[in-house]
Amino acid sequence: MYKKIIVLCLLLLPILFTTCKNKTEKQQTPKQTKIDKLLANYADVELTTDLSVLSENQKGMIPLLFQAAKIIDELYWIQTCGNKEKYLKSIPNEKFKEYFYINYGPWDRLNGMQPFIDGVGHKPDGANFYPVDMTYQEFETFDDLTKFDSYTLLRRNEVGGLKTVPYHEAYKNKLVKIAGLMKQAASLAEDNDFKNYLLKRAEALLTDDYYQSNLAWMMMKDNILDFIVGPIEDIEDRLYYSKASYQSMLLVKDIESSKNMEKYSLLVPFLQKNLPVDEKYKTEIPGALSDIMVYDVIYCSGNWNAGSKKIAITLPRDGRVQLAVGSRKLQFKNVMEAKFEKILKPIAHLLIDKDQREHVKFDAFFQNTMFYEVGSALGIKNMVTKEGTVRDGLKEQYNVIEECKNDILSLFFLTKLHEMGELPETDLMDNYVTYMADIFRSVRFGISNDQGVANMIRFYYFEEKGAFTRNKKLGTYTIDFEKMQDAMLQLAEEILVIQGNGDYDKAKKMIEEKGYIRDELLEDLYRIQKEQIPKDIVFQQGLEVLGLEE
């Protein structure tokens, strides 16, 4: 009997030891902290490109423009957060400090500007453009029309009232340094149009008059380097949405990709005539398509470097310039590549059926994004059944419906190009599956903006038409090519008819029925989050990253 007990103990000993070991290892595994989870929302990406396309003079311009961009960064810190040093004192450790710098302050830009540092409180809606204690009534009764100017701060005067201060006066010392660096860079420029732009933009920073420099920027066609700089975006001002923030980007043009877009723009009239809708909805002659140019970003600062990073942007914002010479769509290829590799591919691996994952490709993602601009040129600007513009007819529903139209017509455009033999090396299934996978990437930012609502409308429209099915057991999606193509054509027609008729009620109904995230999709988004797939990227940038000496 005793022998049996001894043998049994010897047999159980390894199991008990293993169990204890596993428990010890589990206890030793550090629990992921709040700040670790926040940092996991961003993937590090080095901003690099092939600099062999640049001359020695062009390479010599880069350090000068880098210095200018760094000072722009300092200006943006002042505008968004005031004195950043006072916040740095309250930051508990290096990880929080890292997240502080990603967000340009203690408020989380991927989470509705909620504070991530204890005791900081709500970010002032007016950032540092207005006195924090300014009331709405005080602003309304302040009798100075320059208070609405995009390049003017509001401050307290000597007796406690309000006064306006132009940017070029408030930030004079730093702007003088930036202008000086840009003039030095201009002296090295071999492209006369780029030189002219740099000189005019340097002067504009010192006067807050950007009209001539915007015209000069639109006149540039052959420059390889580009430097976008100035107070441009107004999203930092959440009080009156009028004050522009400083930002900059230093870019290297992808010449071949940019030239390819020129031939596609010539097809816009043909595509307009072949829209999948009744003849009366496609009689308008499309307006001139904006310049579409492709770049690699090699440095980014200020507002464009805060939080979520852009993969494309249309400039200039000035309506006077757009009327005179149009606008330009800038596509950032290396940023797209980074988001594709770090975010879109992992999401596709999780949510797209294993037999279709091979169709999720960067070239398709790049094309889908690039042809969004073409979608914006097609369609209807004025109502067909009554007087007035589509915007007049759809009122507050207009922006969401327009976003739907632009997105769905980009897929229509690609389908037509493929039918015409213009994309011989492309498998159209790649574009369709990648298009679907990208909805999951972009919808993670929620429905707080028009693009987010438009994403949901397309998703649920495709679902209703059987364009995809979801395997409930695996939680993966399979695209039905034929049904998705039919759904694309049907949605395009429905949107164009709503716009042409100025049908406010149908637009509102579509948005109310489909413009929100339902539980099943929400579960999939939780799965993405659980896998710690990043939401966005953070740039590692500088001369050393490019292989240039400081």
Protein backbone atom coordinates (compact mmCIF):
# COMPACT_ATOMS: atom_id res chain seq x y z
CA MET A 1 0.00 0.00 0.00
CA TYR A 2 2.77 2.40 0.98
CA LYS A 3 4.62 1.57 -2.25
CA LYS A 4 1.55 2.47 -4.30
CA ILE A 5 1.26 5.83 -2.53
CA ILE A 6 4.95 6.57 -3.15
CA VAL A 7 4.65 5.66 -6.83
CA LEU A 8 1.52 7.82 -7.20
CA CYS A 9 3.29 10.80 -5.60
CA LEU A 10 6.24 10.39 -7.95
CA LEU A 11 3.87 10.36 -10.93
CA LEU A 12 2.00 13.47 -9.75
CA LEU A 13 5.16 15.42 -8.84
CA PRO A 14 6.00 16.59 -12.43
CA ILE A 15 2.38 17.65 -12.98
CA LEU A 16 2.32 19.62 -9.72
CA PHE A 17 5.69 21.16 -10.57
CA THR A 18 4.52 22.17 -14.06
CA THR A 19 1.27 23.62 -12.67
CA CYS A 20 3.16 25.66 -10.09
CA LYS A 21 5.65 26.79 -12.73
CA ASN A 22 2.84 27.92 -15.06
CA LYS A 23 1.18 29.81 -12.22
CA THR A 24 4.49 31.49 -11.36
CA GLU A 25 5.12 32.44 -15.00
CA LYS A 26 1.57 33.78 -15.29
CA GLN A 27 2.09 35.87 -12.17
CA GLN A 28 5.41 37.14 -13.53
CA THR A 29 3.89 38.18 -16.89
CA PRO A 30 3.38 41.92 -16.51
CA LYS A 31 -0.15 43.11 -17.06
CA GLN A 32 -0.40 45.60 -19.91
CA THR A 33 -0.88 49.07 -18.54
CA LYS A 34 -3.16 51.80 -19.85
CA ILE A 35 -0.28 53.67 -21.47
CA ASP A 36 1.03 50.46 -23.12
CA LYS A 37 -2.39 49.98 -24.74
CA LEU A 38 -2.44 53.59 -25.93
CA LEU A 39 1.05 53.36 -27.44
CA ALA A 40 0.02 50.14 -29.21
CA ASN A 41 -2.42 52.26 -31.26
CA TYR A 42 0.56 53.59 -33.22
CA ALA A 43 3.20 51.78 -35.28
CA ASP A 44 6.62 53.35 -35.81
CA VAL A 45 7.44 54.17 -39.44
CA GLU A 46 10.67 55.63 -40.81
CA LEU A 47 10.19 58.37 -43.39
CA THR A 48 12.62 57.51 -46.16
CA THR A 49 12.81 57.59 -49.93
CA ASP A 50 15.28 57.17 -52.78
CA LEU A 51 17.33 60.38 -52.72
CA SER A 52 19.37 59.38 -55.79
CA VAL A 53 16.78 61.23 -57.91
CA LEU A 54 17.94 64.52 -56.35
CA SER A 55 20.84 66.71 -57.45
CA GLU A 56 23.50 67.85 -54.99
CA ASN A 57 21.84 71.26 -54.79
CA GLN A 58 18.49 69.68 -53.98
CA LYS A 59 20.09 67.54 -51.29
CA GLY A 60 21.67 70.71 -49.93
CA MET A 61 18.21 72.30 -49.59
CA ILE A 62 16.91 69.53 -47.35
CA PRO A 63 18.77 70.45 -44.10
CA LEU A 64 17.64 74.07 -44.46
CA LEU A 65 14.01 73.10 -44.96
CA PHE A 66 14.26 70.60 -42.09
CA GLN A 67 15.31 73.43 -39.79
CA ALA A 68 12.39 75.55 -40.99
CA ALA A 69 10.01 72.64 -40.38
CA LYS A 70 11.28 72.19 -36.83
CA ILE A 71 10.50 75.82 -36.03
CA ILE A 72 7.03 75.33 -37.54
CA ASP A 73 6.67 72.50 -35.02
CA GLU A 74 7.48 74.92 -32.20
CA LEU A 75 4.78 77.29 -33.44
CA TYR A 76 2.21 74.53 -33.51
CA TRP A 77 3.02 73.55 -29.93
CA ILE A 78 2.36 77.15 -28.91
CA GLN A 79 -0.97 77.21 -30.77
CA THR A 80 -2.36 73.90 -29.60
CA CYS A 81 -1.11 73.71 -26.05
CA GLY A 82 0.48 77.00 -25.01
CA ASN A 83 3.39 76.35 -22.70
CA LYS A 84 4.10 72.63 -23.09
CA GLU A 85 6.65 72.71 -20.25
CA LYS A 86 3.89 73.13 -17.65
CA TYR A 87 2.30 69.87 -18.84
CA LEU A 88 5.60 68.01 -19.02
CA LYS A 89 6.02 68.54 -15.26
CA SER A 90 2.90 66.46 -14.58
CA ILE A 91 3.87 63.53 -16.84
CA PRO A 92 4.60 60.43 -14.70
CA ASN A 93 7.10 58.53 -16.89
CA GLU A 94 8.79 58.22 -20.28
CA LYS A 95 5.97 56.21 -21.87
CA PHE A 96 3.44 58.91 -21.07
CA LYS A 97 5.91 61.48 -22.38
CA GLU A 98 6.17 59.55 -25.66
CA TYR A 99 2.38 59.58 -26.04
CA PHE A 100 2.35 63.27 -25.08
CA TYR A 101 4.64 64.07 -28.01
CA ILE A 102 2.64 61.91 -30.45
CA ASN A 103 -0.51 63.86 -29.54
CA TYR A 104 1.13 67.27 -29.12
CA GLY A 105 -0.33 67.54 -25.66
CA PRO A 106 -2.01 65.45 -22.93
CA TRP A 107 -5.20 64.85 -24.96
CA ASP A 108 -5.73 61.70 -27.02
CA ARG A 109 -6.40 62.56 -30.67
CA LEU A 110 -7.65 59.06 -31.45
CA ASN A 111 -10.15 59.22 -28.60
CA GLY A 112 -12.07 62.47 -28.96
CA MET A 113 -9.36 64.58 -27.28
CA GLN A 114 -9.92 62.87 -23.92
CA PRO A 115 -7.10 63.60 -21.43
CA PHE A 116 -4.76 60.68 -20.77
CA ILE A 117 -2.90 62.43 -17.93
CA ASP A 118 -4.70 62.58 -14.57
CA GLY A 119 -5.76 66.02 -13.44
CA VAL A 120 -5.23 67.75 -16.79
CA GLY A 121 -8.89 68.37 -17.56
CA HIS A 122 -10.68 69.10 -20.82
CA LYS A 123 -8.73 70.70 -23.65
CA PRO A 124 -9.98 74.26 -24.33
CA ASP A 125 -12.10 74.18 -27.50
CA GLY A 126 -10.30 77.27 -28.69
CA ALA A 127 -6.87 75.73 -28.03
CA ASN A 128 -4.49 78.69 -27.54
CA PHE A 129 -6.10 80.91 -30.20
CA TYR A 130 -8.39 82.67 -27.71
CA PRO A 131 -8.24 83.58 -24.00
CA VAL A 132 -9.34 80.50 -22.04
CA ASP A 133 -11.78 82.59 -20.00
CA MET A 134 -13.39 84.29 -23.03
CA THR A 135 -17.19 83.90 -23.12
CA TYR A 136 -19.39 83.53 -26.21
CA GLN A 137 -21.14 86.80 -25.36
CA GLU A 138 -17.80 88.56 -25.05
CA PHE A 139 -16.73 87.34 -28.47
CA GLU A 140 -20.05 88.28 -30.10
CA THR A 141 -20.00 91.82 -28.74
CA PHE A 142 -16.32 92.39 -29.57
CA ASP A 143 -16.55 94.91 -32.41
CA ASP A 144 -13.60 93.92 -34.58
CA LEU A 145 -14.20 91.99 -37.82
CA THR A 146 -10.62 90.67 -37.86
CA LYS A 147 -11.65 88.40 -34.97
CA PHE A 148 -12.88 85.97 -37.66
CA ASP A 149 -9.61 86.06 -39.60
CA SER A 150 -7.85 82.71 -39.97
CA TYR A 151 -4.46 84.22 -39.13
CA THR A 152 -5.39 86.35 -36.10
CA LEU A 153 -5.22 85.54 -32.39
CA LEU A 154 -7.51 86.98 -29.74
CA ARG A 155 -5.80 88.19 -26.58
CA ARG A 156 -6.52 90.35 -23.53
CA ASN A 157 -5.65 94.03 -23.73
CA GLU A 158 -4.24 96.18 -20.93
CA VAL A 159 -7.67 96.71 -19.31
CA GLY A 160 -8.85 93.11 -19.63
CA GLY A 161 -10.87 93.48 -22.82
CA LEU A 162 -10.27 91.66 -26.12
CA LYS A 163 -7.82 92.59 -28.85
CA THR A 164 -6.63 90.90 -32.05
CA VAL A 165 -3.01 90.10 -32.85
CA PRO A 166 -2.00 88.93 -36.37
CA TYR A 167 0.07 85.75 -36.52
CA HIS A 168 2.95 87.55 -38.24
CA GLU A 169 3.24 89.87 -35.22
CA ALA A 170 2.60 87.31 -32.49
CA TYR A 171 5.17 84.85 -33.86
CA LYS A 172 7.48 87.33 -35.60
CA ASN A 173 10.82 86.09 -34.25
CA LYS A 174 10.27 82.48 -35.28
CA LEU A 175 8.72 83.41 -38.63
CA VAL A 176 11.70 85.58 -39.52
CA LYS A 177 13.99 82.58 -38.91
CA ILE A 178 11.80 80.30 -41.05
CA ALA A 179 11.67 82.84 -43.88
CA GLY A 180 15.46 83.22 -43.76
CA LEU A 181 15.99 79.47 -44.05
CA MET A 182 13.56 79.25 -46.97
CA LYS A 183 15.37 82.06 -48.79
CA GLN A 184 18.66 80.22 -48.31
CA ALA A 185 17.05 77.09 -49.74
CA ALA A 186 15.66 79.10 -52.66
CA SER A 187 19.19 80.23 -53.56
CA LEU A 188 20.01 76.55 -54.23
CA ALA A 189 16.86 75.80 -56.23
CA GLU A 190 17.45 74.75 -59.85
CA ASP A 191 13.75 74.83 -60.75
CA ASN A 192 12.78 78.49 -61.25
CA ASP A 193 9.12 77.89 -60.35
CA PHE A 194 10.09 76.22 -57.08
CA LYS A 195 12.51 79.05 -56.32
CA ASN A 196 9.77 81.60 -56.99
CA TYR A 197 7.35 79.73 -54.74
CA LEU A 198 9.81 79.49 -51.84
CA LEU A 199 10.54 83.22 -51.99
CA LYS A 200 6.85 84.15 -52.18
CA ARG A 201 5.93 81.73 -49.39
CA ALA A 202 8.69 83.10 -47.17
CA GLU A 203 7.26 86.59 -47.67
CA ALA A 204 3.73 85.33 -47.04
CA LEU A 205 4.74 83.97 -43.62
CA LEU A 206 5.82 87.49 -42.68
CA THR A 207 2.61 89.16 -43.89
CA ASP A 208 -0.15 86.53 -43.53
CA ASP A 209 -1.08 87.11 -47.19
CA TYR A 210 -0.84 83.71 -48.89
CA TYR A 211 -2.68 84.35 -52.15
CA GLN A 212 0.30 84.98 -54.44
CA SER A 213 2.34 82.14 -52.94
CA ASN A 214 -0.60 79.75 -53.44
CA LEU A 215 -0.80 80.78 -57.10
CA ALA A 216 2.96 80.28 -57.42
CA TRP A 217 2.63 76.81 -55.86
CA MET A 218 -0.05 75.82 -58.38
CA MET A 219 2.22 76.98 -61.24
CA MET A 220 4.90 74.47 -60.24
CA LYS A 221 4.74 71.34 -62.40
CA ASP A 222 8.27 69.99 -62.84
CA ASN A 223 9.82 70.37 -59.38
CA ILE A 224 10.95 67.17 -57.65
CA LEU A 225 11.21 68.69 -54.16
CA ASP A 226 8.22 70.41 -52.57
CA PHE A 227 7.80 72.19 -49.24
CA ILE A 228 4.23 72.79 -48.05
CA VAL A 229 4.30 75.23 -45.16
CA GLY A 230 2.08 77.70 -43.35
CA PRO A 231 -1.10 77.97 -41.29
CA ILE A 232 -3.49 75.77 -43.30
CA GLU A 233 -5.76 73.40 -41.34
CA ASP A 234 -8.44 74.91 -39.06
CA ILE A 235 -9.43 71.71 -37.20
CA GLU A 236 -7.49 72.65 -34.06
CA ASP A 237 -9.95 75.49 -33.43
CA ARG A 238 -13.02 73.68 -32.07
CA LEU A 239 -14.62 76.86 -30.82
CA TYR A 240 -15.26 78.81 -34.03
CA TYR A 241 -13.44 76.58 -36.57
CA SER A 242 -11.73 79.54 -38.15
CA LYS A 243 -8.15 79.75 -36.83
CA ALA A 244 -5.54 77.99 -38.94
CA SER A 245 -2.70 75.95 -37.45
CA TYR A 246 0.90 75.84 -38.61
CA GLN A 247 2.18 72.72 -40.33
CA SER A 248 4.69 71.63 -42.93
CA MET A 249 5.66 68.74 -45.19
CA LEU A 250 8.85 68.20 -47.15
CA LEU A 251 8.14 65.99 -50.16
CA VAL A 252 9.92 64.16 -52.98
CA LYS A 253 7.80 63.64 -56.11
CA ASP A 254 7.19 60.21 -57.62
CA ILE A 255 7.48 61.41 -61.23
CA GLU A 256 6.27 58.24 -62.95
CA SER A 257 3.14 57.81 -60.80
CA SER A 258 2.31 61.51 -61.15
CA LYS A 259 2.52 61.33 -64.95
CA ASN A 260 0.26 58.29 -65.04
CA MET A 261 -2.51 60.32 -63.46
CA GLU A 262 -2.41 62.88 -66.28
CA LYS A 263 -3.71 60.35 -68.85
CA TYR A 264 -6.45 59.12 -66.53
CA SER A 265 -7.77 62.65 -66.03
CA LEU A 266 -8.38 62.90 -69.78
CA LEU A 267 -10.93 60.08 -69.50
CA VAL A 268 -13.25 62.01 -67.16
CA PRO A 269 -15.68 63.21 -69.91
CA PHE A 270 -15.97 59.65 -71.27
CA LEU A 271 -16.66 58.28 -67.80
CA GLN A 272 -19.29 60.96 -67.15
CA LYS A 273 -21.19 59.84 -70.27
CA ASN A 274 -21.05 56.21 -69.09
CA LEU A 275 -22.24 56.70 -65.51
CA PRO A 276 -24.73 53.97 -64.50
CA VAL A 277 -27.74 56.29 -64.42
CA ASP A 278 -30.43 57.72 -66.71
CA GLU A 279 -29.24 60.21 -69.37
CA LYS A 280 -30.81 63.24 -67.71
CA TYR A 281 -28.50 62.79 -64.68
CA LYS A 282 -25.26 62.93 -66.66
CA THR A 283 -25.61 65.88 -68.99
CA GLU A 284 -23.26 68.13 -67.01
CA ILE A 285 -19.77 68.59 -68.38
CA PRO A 286 -17.34 67.66 -65.60
CA GLY A 287 -15.19 70.46 -64.25
CA ALA A 288 -11.47 70.36 -64.71
CA LEU A 289 -9.89 67.61 -62.66
CA SER A 290 -7.44 68.82 -60.06
CA ASP A 291 -3.76 68.14 -60.56
CA ILE A 292 -3.02 64.76 -58.97
CA MET A 293 0.58 64.25 -57.93
CA VAL A 294 2.26 61.47 -55.98
CA TYR A 295 4.99 62.04 -53.40
CA ASP A 296 7.04 60.46 -50.64
CA VAL A 297 7.00 62.41 -47.38
CA ILE A 298 10.48 62.88 -45.88
CA TYR A 299 9.60 65.28 -43.05
CA CYS A 300 6.36 66.31 -41.40
CA SER A 301 5.74 68.80 -38.59
CA GLY A 302 3.03 70.70 -36.79
CA ASN A 303 -0.64 69.88 -37.28
CA TRP A 304 0.02 67.28 -40.00
CA ASN A 305 2.25 65.35 -37.60
CA ALA A 306 -0.28 65.27 -34.74
CA GLY A 307 -2.21 62.06 -34.13
CA SER A 308 -3.55 60.35 -37.25
CA LYS A 309 -1.39 60.85 -40.35
CA LYS A 310 -2.76 61.85 -43.75
CA ILE A 311 -2.37 59.68 -46.85
CA ALA A 312 -3.67 62.40 -49.19
CA ILE A 313 -4.70 66.03 -49.11
CA THR A 314 -6.13 68.62 -51.52
CA LEU A 315 -4.64 72.13 -51.56
CA PRO A 316 -4.84 75.10 -51.56
CA ARG A 317 -7.86 75.78 -49.35
CA ASP A 318 -8.34 79.31 -50.68
CA GLY A 319 -11.50 79.38 -52.82
CA ARG A 320 -10.18 82.35 -54.83
CA VAL A 321 -7.18 80.30 -55.93
CA GLN A 322 -9.37 77.30 -56.78
CA LEU A 323 -11.55 79.49 -59.01
CA ALA A 324 -8.53 81.01 -60.71
CA VAL A 325 -6.28 77.96 -61.26
CA GLY A 326 -7.91 74.94 -59.60
CA SER A 327 -6.43 72.77 -56.87
CA ARG A 328 -3.99 69.91 -56.46
CA LYS A 329 -4.44 66.47 -54.90
CA LEU A 330 -1.29 65.23 -53.15
CA GLN A 331 -0.98 61.47 -52.61
CA PHE A 332 1.61 60.32 -50.08
CA LYS A 333 2.83 56.96 -51.36
CA ASN A 334 5.26 55.97 -48.61
CA VAL A 335 2.68 56.84 -45.94
CA MET A 336 0.12 54.69 -47.78
CA GLU A 337 2.64 51.83 -47.92
CA ALA A 338 3.23 52.10 -44.20
CA LYS A 339 -0.47 52.07 -43.34
CA PHE A 340 -1.01 49.17 -45.71
CA GLU A 341 1.75 47.03 -44.19
CA LYS A 342 1.24 47.94 -40.54
CA ILE A 343 -2.56 48.17 -40.43
CA LEU A 344 -4.51 47.06 -43.50
CA LYS A 345 -2.72 43.74 -44.07
CA PRO A 346 -3.06 42.56 -40.45
CA ILE A 347 -6.76 43.51 -40.47
CA ALA A 348 -7.26 41.60 -43.72
CA HIS A 349 -5.49 38.57 -42.24
CA LEU A 350 -7.96 38.65 -39.35
CA LEU A 351 -11.21 39.48 -41.17
CA ILE A 352 -10.90 38.44 -44.83
CA ASP A 353 -11.45 34.79 -45.76
CA LYS A 354 -8.14 32.96 -46.12
CA ASP A 355 -8.85 32.08 -49.75
CA GLN A 356 -9.17 35.78 -50.67
CA ARG A 357 -6.39 37.35 -48.59
CA GLU A 358 -3.99 37.14 -51.52
CA HIS A 359 -6.13 39.79 -53.24
CA VAL A 360 -5.32 42.41 -50.59
CA LYS A 361 -2.46 44.24 -52.31
CA PHE A 362 -0.77 47.60 -51.99
CA ASP A 363 -1.16 48.49 -55.67
CA ALA A 364 -4.93 48.04 -55.32
CA PHE A 365 -5.00 50.14 -52.13
CA PHE A 366 -2.98 52.85 -53.87
CA GLN A 367 -5.29 52.85 -56.92
CA ASN A 368 -8.45 52.87 -54.82
CA THR A 369 -7.21 55.87 -52.85
CA MET A 370 -5.85 57.70 -55.87
CA PHE A 371 -9.03 57.44 -57.92
CA TYR A 372 -11.19 58.87 -55.16
CA GLU A 373 -10.25 62.26 -56.63
CA VAL A 374 -11.59 61.19 -60.01
CA GLY A 375 -14.82 60.20 -58.30
CA SER A 376 -15.13 63.72 -56.94
CA ALA A 377 -14.92 65.17 -60.46
CA LEU A 378 -17.76 62.98 -61.79
CA GLY A 379 -21.48 63.25 -61.14
CA ILE A 380 -23.89 66.09 -60.53
CA LYS A 381 -23.38 69.58 -59.12
CA ASN A 382 -26.82 71.04 -59.95
CA MET A 383 -30.21 69.42 -59.40
CA VAL A 384 -31.99 68.06 -62.48
CA THR A 385 -35.62 68.22 -61.36
CA LYS A 386 -35.55 71.70 -59.82
CA GLU A 387 -33.48 74.85 -59.60
CA GLY A 388 -30.41 75.06 -57.40
CA THR A 389 -27.33 73.09 -56.49
CA VAL A 390 -27.27 69.59 -55.03
CA ARG A 391 -25.91 71.14 -51.82
CA ASP A 392 -28.99 73.38 -51.65
CA GLY A 393 -31.31 70.40 -52.04
CA LEU A 394 -29.64 68.01 -49.59
CA LYS A 395 -28.70 70.63 -46.99
CA GLU A 396 -26.95 69.09 -43.96
CA GLN A 397 -27.09 65.62 -45.58
CA TYR A 398 -24.99 66.78 -48.54
CA ASN A 399 -21.48 66.04 -47.25
CA VAL A 400 -22.17 62.41 -46.34
CA ILE A 401 -23.92 61.70 -49.65
CA GLU A 402 -21.10 63.40 -51.56
CA GLU A 403 -18.51 61.26 -49.74
CA CYS A 404 -20.53 58.16 -50.68
CA LYS A 405 -20.60 59.29 -54.30
CA ASN A 406 -16.86 59.99 -54.47
CA ASP A 407 -15.97 56.61 -52.96
CA ILE A 408 -18.32 54.46 -54.99
CA LEU A 409 -17.45 56.22 -58.26
CA SER A 410 -13.75 55.59 -57.62
CA LEU A 411 -14.59 51.87 -57.80
CA PHE A 412 -16.73 52.48 -60.89
CA PHE A 413 -13.81 54.31 -62.50
CA LEU A 414 -11.41 51.45 -61.81
CA THR A 415 -13.89 48.92 -63.19
CA LYS A 416 -14.29 50.93 -66.41
CA LEU A 417 -10.52 51.33 -66.80
CA HIS A 418 -10.13 47.58 -66.49
CA GLU A 419 -12.85 46.96 -69.08
CA MET A 420 -11.10 49.39 -71.44
CA GLY A 421 -7.78 47.58 -71.06
CA GLU A 422 -6.13 50.58 -69.36
CA LEU A 423 -5.02 48.45 -66.39
CA PRO A 424 -3.79 45.28 -68.13
CA GLU A 425 -1.66 44.07 -65.24
CA THR A 426 -4.37 44.55 -62.63
CA ASP A 427 -6.70 41.87 -61.28
CA LEU A 428 -9.91 43.78 -60.55
CA MET A 429 -10.66 41.33 -57.74
CA ASP A 430 -7.65 42.83 -55.94
CA ASN A 431 -9.31 46.25 -55.99
CA TYR A 432 -12.64 44.89 -54.75
CA VAL A 433 -11.27 42.82 -51.86
CA THR A 434 -8.83 45.56 -50.84
CA TYR A 435 -11.66 48.11 -51.02
CA MET A 436 -13.67 45.97 -48.60
CA ALA A 437 -10.74 45.44 -46.23
CA ASP A 438 -10.04 49.17 -46.17
CA ILE A 439 -13.55 49.85 -44.87
CA PHE A 440 -12.57 47.97 -41.70
CA ARG A 441 -9.42 50.07 -41.37
CA SER A 442 -11.13 53.42 -41.78
CA VAL A 443 -14.29 52.65 -39.78
CA ARG A 444 -12.14 52.15 -36.66
CA PHE A 445 -12.04 55.93 -36.41
CA GLY A 446 -15.81 55.86 -35.84
CA ILE A 447 -18.64 57.84 -37.40
CA SER A 448 -17.75 61.22 -35.94
CA ASN A 449 -17.09 62.61 -39.43
CA ASP A 450 -18.80 62.46 -42.84
CA GLN A 451 -16.32 59.94 -44.25
CA GLY A 452 -16.99 57.56 -41.36
CA VAL A 453 -20.77 57.69 -41.93
CA ALA A 454 -20.25 57.15 -45.69
CA ASN A 455 -18.13 54.06 -44.92
CA MET A 456 -21.01 52.53 -42.97
CA ILE A 457 -23.55 53.27 -45.71
CA ARG A 458 -21.41 51.45 -48.27
CA PHE A 459 -20.74 48.55 -45.90
CA TYR A 460 -24.39 47.88 -45.12
CA TYR A 461 -25.52 48.48 -48.70
CA PHE A 462 -23.06 45.81 -49.85
CA GLU A 463 -24.27 43.50 -47.09
CA GLU A 464 -27.93 43.88 -48.13
CA LYS A 465 -27.05 43.13 -51.77
CA GLY A 466 -25.06 40.01 -50.86
CA ALA A 467 -21.76 41.54 -52.02
CA PHE A 468 -20.10 39.74 -49.13
CA THR A 469 -20.94 37.06 -46.60
CA ARG A 470 -19.67 36.65 -43.06
CA ASN A 471 -18.63 33.29 -41.66
CA LYS A 472 -20.06 33.51 -38.12
CA LYS A 473 -17.86 30.72 -36.83
CA LEU A 474 -14.58 32.19 -38.11
CA GLY A 475 -15.62 35.84 -38.16
CA THR A 476 -14.25 36.27 -41.70
CA TYR A 477 -15.71 37.92 -44.78
CA THR A 478 -15.88 36.57 -48.33
CA ILE A 479 -16.47 38.92 -51.27
CA ASP A 480 -18.75 37.86 -54.12
CA PHE A 481 -17.21 39.64 -57.11
CA GLU A 482 -20.29 39.64 -59.36
CA LYS A 483 -22.67 40.75 -56.63
CA MET A 484 -20.26 43.44 -55.42
CA GLN A 485 -19.98 44.81 -58.94
CA ASP A 486 -23.77 44.87 -59.26
CA ALA A 487 -24.08 46.51 -55.82
CA MET A 488 -21.49 49.12 -56.79
CA LEU A 489 -23.48 50.05 -59.90
CA GLN A 490 -26.78 50.10 -58.01
CA LEU A 491 -25.44 52.26 -55.18
CA ALA A 492 -23.84 54.64 -57.68
CA GLU A 493 -27.17 54.99 -59.47
CA GLU A 494 -29.11 55.48 -56.23
CA ILE A 495 -26.72 58.16 -54.99
CA LEU A 496 -26.70 60.02 -58.31
CA VAL A 497 -30.51 60.02 -58.47
CA ILE A 498 -30.74 61.33 -54.89
CA GLN A 499 -28.34 64.11 -55.82
CA GLY A 500 -29.98 64.90 -59.16
CA ASN A 501 -33.43 65.09 -57.58
CA GLY A 502 -32.16 66.92 -54.55
CA ASP A 503 -34.09 64.28 -52.60
CA TYR A 504 -33.51 65.36 -49.02
CA ASP A 505 -35.87 62.75 -47.52
CA LYS A 506 -34.22 59.79 -49.28
CA ALA A 507 -30.76 61.05 -48.34
CA LYS A 508 -31.79 61.40 -44.71
CA LYS A 509 -33.41 57.94 -44.70
CA MET A 510 -30.28 56.32 -46.17
CA ILE A 511 -28.08 57.95 -43.55
CA GLU A 512 -30.40 57.09 -40.66
CA GLU A 513 -30.79 53.45 -41.73
CA LYS A 514 -27.18 52.67 -42.61
CA GLY A 515 -24.96 55.37 -41.14
CA TYR A 516 -24.09 53.73 -37.82
CA ILE A 517 -22.09 50.75 -36.53
CA ARG A 518 -24.20 47.71 -35.68
CA ASP A 519 -23.35 45.12 -33.03
CA GLU A 520 -21.87 42.42 -35.28
CA LEU A 521 -19.40 44.82 -36.89
CA LEU A 522 -18.65 46.30 -33.49
CA GLU A 523 -17.61 42.84 -32.31
CA ASP A 524 -15.21 42.59 -35.25
CA LEU A 525 -13.73 45.96 -34.36
CA TYR A 526 -13.20 44.73 -30.80
CA ARG A 527 -11.36 41.71 -32.23
CA ILE A 528 -9.06 44.04 -34.17
CA GLN A 529 -8.38 46.01 -31.02
CA LYS A 530 -7.75 42.83 -29.01
CA GLU A 531 -5.12 41.78 -31.54
CA GLN A 532 -3.45 45.15 -30.93
CA ILE A 533 -3.41 46.05 -34.60
CA PRO A 534 -2.41 49.73 -34.68
CA LYS A 535 -4.92 52.38 -35.63
CA ASP A 536 -2.31 54.67 -37.10
CA ILE A 537 1.39 55.38 -37.44
CA VAL A 538 3.98 57.67 -35.90
CA PHE A 539 6.87 59.03 -37.96
CA GLN A 540 10.52 58.42 -37.16
CA GLN A 541 12.09 61.19 -39.19
CA GLY A 542 15.18 63.31 -39.59
CA LEU A 543 18.37 63.72 -41.57
CA GLU A 544 19.88 60.65 -39.94
CA VAL A 545 16.89 58.53 -41.01
CA LEU A 546 17.48 59.69 -44.59
CA GLY A 547 21.16 58.90 -44.32
CA LEU A 548 22.17 62.56 -44.46
CA GLU A 549 24.54 64.14 -41.95
CA GLU A 550 23.14 66.53 -39.36
